[in-house]
N, C-alpha and C. Protein backbone atom coordinates (compact mmCIF):
# COMPACT_ATOMS: atom_id res chain seq x y z
N MET A 1 0.85 -1.18 0.00
CA MET A 1 0.00 0.00 0.00
C MET A 1 0.89 1.24 0.00
N THR A 2 0.59 2.20 -0.85
CA THR A 2 1.40 3.41 -0.95
C THR A 2 1.09 4.36 0.20
N LYS A 3 1.97 5.32 0.37
CA LYS A 3 1.79 6.32 1.43
C LYS A 3 0.51 7.11 1.21
N LEU A 4 0.21 7.43 -0.05
CA LEU A 4 -1.00 8.18 -0.37
C LEU A 4 -2.25 7.37 -0.02
N GLU A 5 -2.23 6.07 -0.32
CA GLU A 5 -3.38 5.22 0.02
C GLU A 5 -3.58 5.17 1.53
N CYS A 6 -2.49 5.09 2.28
CA CYS A 6 -2.57 5.08 3.75
C CYS A 6 -3.14 6.39 4.26
N GLU A 7 -2.67 7.50 3.70
CA GLU A 7 -3.17 8.81 4.13
C GLU A 7 -4.65 8.94 3.83
N ASN A 8 -5.09 8.45 2.65
CA ASN A 8 -6.51 8.51 2.31
C ASN A 8 -7.34 7.66 3.26
N LYS A 9 -6.83 6.48 3.62
CA LYS A 9 -7.56 5.62 4.56
C LYS A 9 -7.63 6.27 5.94
N ASN A 10 -6.54 6.88 6.37
CA ASN A 10 -6.55 7.56 7.67
C ASN A 10 -7.51 8.74 7.67
N GLU A 11 -7.56 9.47 6.56
CA GLU A 11 -8.50 10.58 6.42
C GLU A 11 -9.93 10.07 6.48
N LEU A 12 -10.19 8.96 5.82
CA LEU A 12 -11.53 8.37 5.83
C LEU A 12 -11.91 7.92 7.23
N LYS A 13 -10.98 7.30 7.95
CA LYS A 13 -11.25 6.88 9.34
C LYS A 13 -11.57 8.09 10.20
N ALA A 14 -10.79 9.16 10.05
CA ALA A 14 -11.03 10.37 10.83
C ALA A 14 -12.41 10.94 10.53
N GLN A 15 -12.81 10.89 9.26
CA GLN A 15 -14.13 11.39 8.88
C GLN A 15 -15.23 10.52 9.48
N PHE A 16 -15.07 9.22 9.46
CA PHE A 16 -16.07 8.32 10.04
C PHE A 16 -16.18 8.51 11.54
N ILE A 17 -15.06 8.65 12.21
CA ILE A 17 -15.08 8.86 13.66
C ILE A 17 -15.75 10.19 13.98
N SER A 18 -15.44 11.23 13.22
CA SER A 18 -16.08 12.53 13.43
C SER A 18 -17.58 12.45 13.22
N SER A 19 -18.00 11.74 12.18
CA SER A 19 -19.43 11.57 11.92
C SER A 19 -20.10 10.81 13.06
N PHE A 20 -19.45 9.77 13.55
CA PHE A 20 -19.97 9.00 14.68
C PHE A 20 -20.20 9.91 15.88
N LEU A 21 -19.22 10.76 16.17
CA LEU A 21 -19.33 11.66 17.32
C LEU A 21 -20.44 12.68 17.14
N MET A 22 -20.53 13.26 15.94
CA MET A 22 -21.52 14.31 15.71
C MET A 22 -22.94 13.76 15.69
N TYR A 23 -23.16 12.70 14.92
CA TYR A 23 -24.52 12.15 14.80
C TYR A 23 -25.00 11.55 16.11
N GLY A 24 -24.09 10.96 16.87
CA GLY A 24 -24.47 10.34 18.14
C GLY A 24 -24.41 11.29 19.32
N LYS A 25 -23.97 12.53 19.07
CA LYS A 25 -23.82 13.53 20.13
C LYS A 25 -22.95 13.00 21.26
N HIS A 26 -21.88 12.30 20.89
CA HIS A 26 -20.97 11.74 21.87
C HIS A 26 -19.93 12.78 22.30
N SER A 27 -19.45 12.61 23.49
CA SER A 27 -18.35 13.43 24.00
C SER A 27 -17.07 13.03 23.26
N PHE A 28 -16.20 14.00 23.06
CA PHE A 28 -14.92 13.70 22.42
C PHE A 28 -14.11 12.70 23.25
N LYS A 29 -14.35 12.67 24.55
CA LYS A 29 -13.60 11.77 25.44
C LYS A 29 -13.84 10.30 25.13
N ILE A 30 -14.91 9.99 24.40
CA ILE A 30 -15.23 8.58 24.14
C ILE A 30 -14.10 7.88 23.38
N VAL A 31 -13.34 8.62 22.58
CA VAL A 31 -12.27 7.99 21.80
C VAL A 31 -11.12 7.53 22.68
N GLU A 32 -11.09 7.97 23.91
CA GLU A 32 -10.04 7.55 24.84
C GLU A 32 -10.50 6.43 25.77
N LYS A 33 -11.75 6.02 25.63
CA LYS A 33 -12.29 4.95 26.48
C LYS A 33 -11.82 3.59 25.96
N PRO A 34 -11.57 2.64 26.87
CA PRO A 34 -11.09 1.32 26.46
C PRO A 34 -12.03 0.61 25.49
N GLY A 35 -13.34 0.74 25.67
CA GLY A 35 -14.28 0.07 24.79
C GLY A 35 -14.20 0.56 23.35
N PHE A 36 -14.08 1.88 23.18
CA PHE A 36 -13.96 2.45 21.84
C PHE A 36 -12.66 2.01 21.20
N ARG A 37 -11.58 2.05 21.96
CA ARG A 37 -10.27 1.65 21.41
C ARG A 37 -10.25 0.17 21.04
N TYR A 38 -10.90 -0.64 21.86
CA TYR A 38 -10.97 -2.07 21.55
C TYR A 38 -11.77 -2.29 20.27
N MET A 39 -12.93 -1.63 20.15
CA MET A 39 -13.76 -1.76 18.96
C MET A 39 -12.97 -1.36 17.71
N MET A 40 -12.24 -0.25 17.78
CA MET A 40 -11.49 0.22 16.62
C MET A 40 -10.32 -0.71 16.30
N SER A 41 -9.69 -1.28 17.31
CA SER A 41 -8.57 -2.18 17.04
C SER A 41 -9.05 -3.47 16.38
N ILE A 42 -10.26 -3.90 16.69
CA ILE A 42 -10.83 -5.10 16.05
C ILE A 42 -11.26 -4.78 14.62
N SER A 43 -11.87 -3.60 14.43
CA SER A 43 -12.38 -3.27 13.09
C SER A 43 -11.27 -2.84 12.13
N SER A 44 -10.17 -2.36 12.65
CA SER A 44 -9.06 -1.91 11.81
C SER A 44 -7.75 -2.29 12.49
N LEU A 45 -7.10 -3.29 11.94
CA LEU A 45 -5.91 -3.83 12.60
C LEU A 45 -4.78 -2.82 12.74
N ASN A 46 -4.71 -1.85 11.85
CA ASN A 46 -3.64 -0.85 11.93
C ASN A 46 -4.12 0.46 12.55
N PHE A 47 -5.20 0.41 13.31
CA PHE A 47 -5.73 1.62 13.95
C PHE A 47 -4.77 2.11 15.03
N LYS A 48 -4.47 3.40 14.99
CA LYS A 48 -3.64 4.02 16.01
C LYS A 48 -4.55 4.84 16.92
N ASN A 49 -4.34 4.71 18.22
CA ASN A 49 -5.17 5.46 19.17
C ASN A 49 -5.09 6.95 18.89
N ILE A 50 -6.22 7.62 19.08
CA ILE A 50 -6.28 9.06 18.88
C ILE A 50 -6.78 9.70 20.17
N SER A 51 -6.50 10.97 20.32
CA SER A 51 -6.91 11.68 21.53
C SER A 51 -8.17 12.50 21.26
N ARG A 52 -8.79 12.94 22.33
CA ARG A 52 -9.98 13.79 22.20
C ARG A 52 -9.61 15.12 21.54
N HIS A 53 -8.38 15.56 21.72
CA HIS A 53 -7.94 16.81 21.11
C HIS A 53 -7.85 16.66 19.58
N THR A 54 -7.40 15.49 19.13
CA THR A 54 -7.32 15.23 17.70
C THR A 54 -8.71 15.21 17.07
N VAL A 55 -9.66 14.50 17.71
CA VAL A 55 -11.00 14.44 17.11
C VAL A 55 -11.70 15.79 17.20
N ALA A 56 -11.43 16.57 18.23
CA ALA A 56 -12.02 17.91 18.31
C ALA A 56 -11.52 18.75 17.13
N ARG A 57 -10.24 18.64 16.83
CA ARG A 57 -9.66 19.36 15.69
C ARG A 57 -10.29 18.89 14.38
N ASP A 58 -10.46 17.56 14.24
CA ASP A 58 -11.05 16.99 13.02
C ASP A 58 -12.50 17.45 12.84
N VAL A 59 -13.28 17.42 13.92
CA VAL A 59 -14.69 17.84 13.83
C VAL A 59 -14.76 19.31 13.43
N LEU A 60 -13.91 20.14 14.01
CA LEU A 60 -13.90 21.56 13.65
C LEU A 60 -13.51 21.74 12.19
N MET A 61 -12.56 20.96 11.70
CA MET A 61 -12.15 21.04 10.31
C MET A 61 -13.31 20.70 9.37
N TYR A 62 -14.05 19.63 9.69
CA TYR A 62 -15.19 19.25 8.86
C TYR A 62 -16.31 20.29 8.93
N TYR A 63 -16.48 20.91 10.09
CA TYR A 63 -17.47 21.98 10.23
C TYR A 63 -17.11 23.15 9.32
N VAL A 64 -15.86 23.55 9.34
CA VAL A 64 -15.41 24.68 8.51
C VAL A 64 -15.60 24.35 7.03
N LYS A 65 -15.26 23.13 6.63
CA LYS A 65 -15.45 22.72 5.23
C LYS A 65 -16.92 22.80 4.83
N GLU A 66 -17.79 22.30 5.69
CA GLU A 66 -19.22 22.30 5.38
C GLU A 66 -19.77 23.73 5.35
N LYS A 67 -19.32 24.57 6.26
CA LYS A 67 -19.75 25.96 6.28
C LYS A 67 -19.33 26.67 5.00
N ASP A 68 -18.10 26.44 4.56
CA ASP A 68 -17.62 27.04 3.31
C ASP A 68 -18.43 26.55 2.12
N HIS A 69 -18.78 25.27 2.12
CA HIS A 69 -19.60 24.72 1.04
C HIS A 69 -20.97 25.41 1.00
N VAL A 70 -21.58 25.60 2.14
CA VAL A 70 -22.89 26.27 2.20
C VAL A 70 -22.76 27.71 1.71
N LYS A 71 -21.70 28.40 2.11
CA LYS A 71 -21.48 29.77 1.65
C LYS A 71 -21.37 29.84 0.13
N LYS A 72 -20.63 28.90 -0.45
CA LYS A 72 -20.46 28.88 -1.91
C LYS A 72 -21.80 28.63 -2.60
N GLU A 73 -22.58 27.72 -2.06
CA GLU A 73 -23.89 27.43 -2.66
C GLU A 73 -24.81 28.64 -2.56
N LEU A 74 -24.81 29.32 -1.43
CA LEU A 74 -25.66 30.50 -1.26
C LEU A 74 -25.20 31.64 -2.16
N ALA A 75 -23.90 31.73 -2.41
CA ALA A 75 -23.37 32.79 -3.28
C ALA A 75 -23.83 32.62 -4.72
N LYS A 76 -24.23 31.42 -5.11
CA LYS A 76 -24.70 31.16 -6.47
C LYS A 76 -26.13 31.64 -6.69
N ALA A 77 -26.81 32.04 -5.64
CA ALA A 77 -28.21 32.46 -5.76
C ALA A 77 -28.31 33.69 -6.66
N PRO A 78 -29.29 33.71 -7.57
CA PRO A 78 -29.40 34.80 -8.53
C PRO A 78 -29.89 36.12 -7.92
N SER A 79 -30.49 36.09 -6.75
CA SER A 79 -31.00 37.32 -6.13
C SER A 79 -30.89 37.21 -4.61
N LEU A 80 -31.66 38.02 -3.93
CA LEU A 80 -31.62 38.01 -2.47
C LEU A 80 -32.11 36.69 -1.89
N ILE A 81 -31.59 36.36 -0.74
CA ILE A 81 -32.03 35.16 -0.02
C ILE A 81 -32.62 35.61 1.30
N PHE A 82 -33.82 35.15 1.57
CA PHE A 82 -34.47 35.46 2.83
C PHE A 82 -34.46 34.21 3.70
N LEU A 83 -34.23 34.41 4.97
CA LEU A 83 -34.15 33.28 5.90
C LEU A 83 -35.27 33.36 6.92
N THR A 84 -35.86 32.22 7.21
CA THR A 84 -36.79 32.10 8.32
C THR A 84 -36.28 30.97 9.20
N SER A 85 -36.61 31.05 10.47
CA SER A 85 -36.15 29.99 11.37
C SER A 85 -37.27 29.57 12.31
N ASP A 86 -37.14 28.38 12.79
CA ASP A 86 -38.08 27.83 13.75
C ASP A 86 -37.28 26.94 14.68
N ASN A 87 -37.64 26.92 15.94
CA ASN A 87 -36.97 25.99 16.85
C ASN A 87 -38.00 25.28 17.70
N TRP A 88 -37.66 24.09 18.10
CA TRP A 88 -38.55 23.27 18.92
C TRP A 88 -37.73 22.22 19.64
N ASP A 89 -38.38 21.57 20.60
CA ASP A 89 -37.71 20.48 21.29
C ASP A 89 -38.61 19.25 21.29
N SER A 90 -37.97 18.11 21.30
CA SER A 90 -38.67 16.84 21.27
C SER A 90 -39.14 16.49 22.67
N GLU A 91 -40.40 16.09 22.78
CA GLU A 91 -40.93 15.68 24.07
C GLU A 91 -40.33 14.36 24.52
N HIS A 92 -39.93 13.53 23.58
CA HIS A 92 -39.50 12.17 23.90
C HIS A 92 -38.01 12.05 24.18
N THR A 93 -37.21 12.86 23.52
CA THR A 93 -35.75 12.70 23.66
C THR A 93 -35.07 13.89 24.32
N ASN A 94 -35.80 14.95 24.57
CA ASN A 94 -35.23 16.19 25.13
C ASN A 94 -34.19 16.83 24.22
N ASP A 95 -34.21 16.47 22.94
CA ASP A 95 -33.32 17.11 21.96
C ASP A 95 -33.96 18.42 21.52
N GLU A 96 -33.12 19.40 21.24
CA GLU A 96 -33.60 20.68 20.73
C GLU A 96 -33.16 20.83 19.29
N TYR A 97 -34.02 21.44 18.48
CA TYR A 97 -33.76 21.58 17.06
C TYR A 97 -33.98 23.02 16.63
N ILE A 98 -33.26 23.41 15.60
CA ILE A 98 -33.51 24.67 14.93
C ILE A 98 -33.53 24.37 13.44
N CYS A 99 -34.48 24.95 12.77
CA CYS A 99 -34.61 24.76 11.32
C CYS A 99 -34.48 26.13 10.66
N ILE A 100 -33.61 26.23 9.70
CA ILE A 100 -33.45 27.48 8.95
C ILE A 100 -33.82 27.19 7.51
N THR A 101 -34.73 27.99 7.00
CA THR A 101 -35.18 27.82 5.62
C THR A 101 -34.77 29.04 4.81
N ALA A 102 -34.14 28.81 3.69
CA ALA A 102 -33.76 29.90 2.78
C ALA A 102 -34.76 29.91 1.63
N HIS A 103 -35.29 31.09 1.33
CA HIS A 103 -36.23 31.22 0.21
C HIS A 103 -36.08 32.57 -0.44
């Protein structure tokens, strides 16, 4: 396996771990827990342990990329963009949501 292939695989692993943390609303500290490290060592034999600081940096990097993507898409709009928002919370899960609609 070439160095580039290894770097791409490591980048993909970092992206998957970041997605796991964001979608599951997990604490960054979970990557330092023995159970998480064991799971990753079984699923990927060459997995190297990562710190909560590393995943925090990765999540922030993906956030910035996504924010830039949204800015570029909004810049393509042919005229003004109006935004409306709504927020609510789930009675069952105590999760809070905000919805922003561009029109």
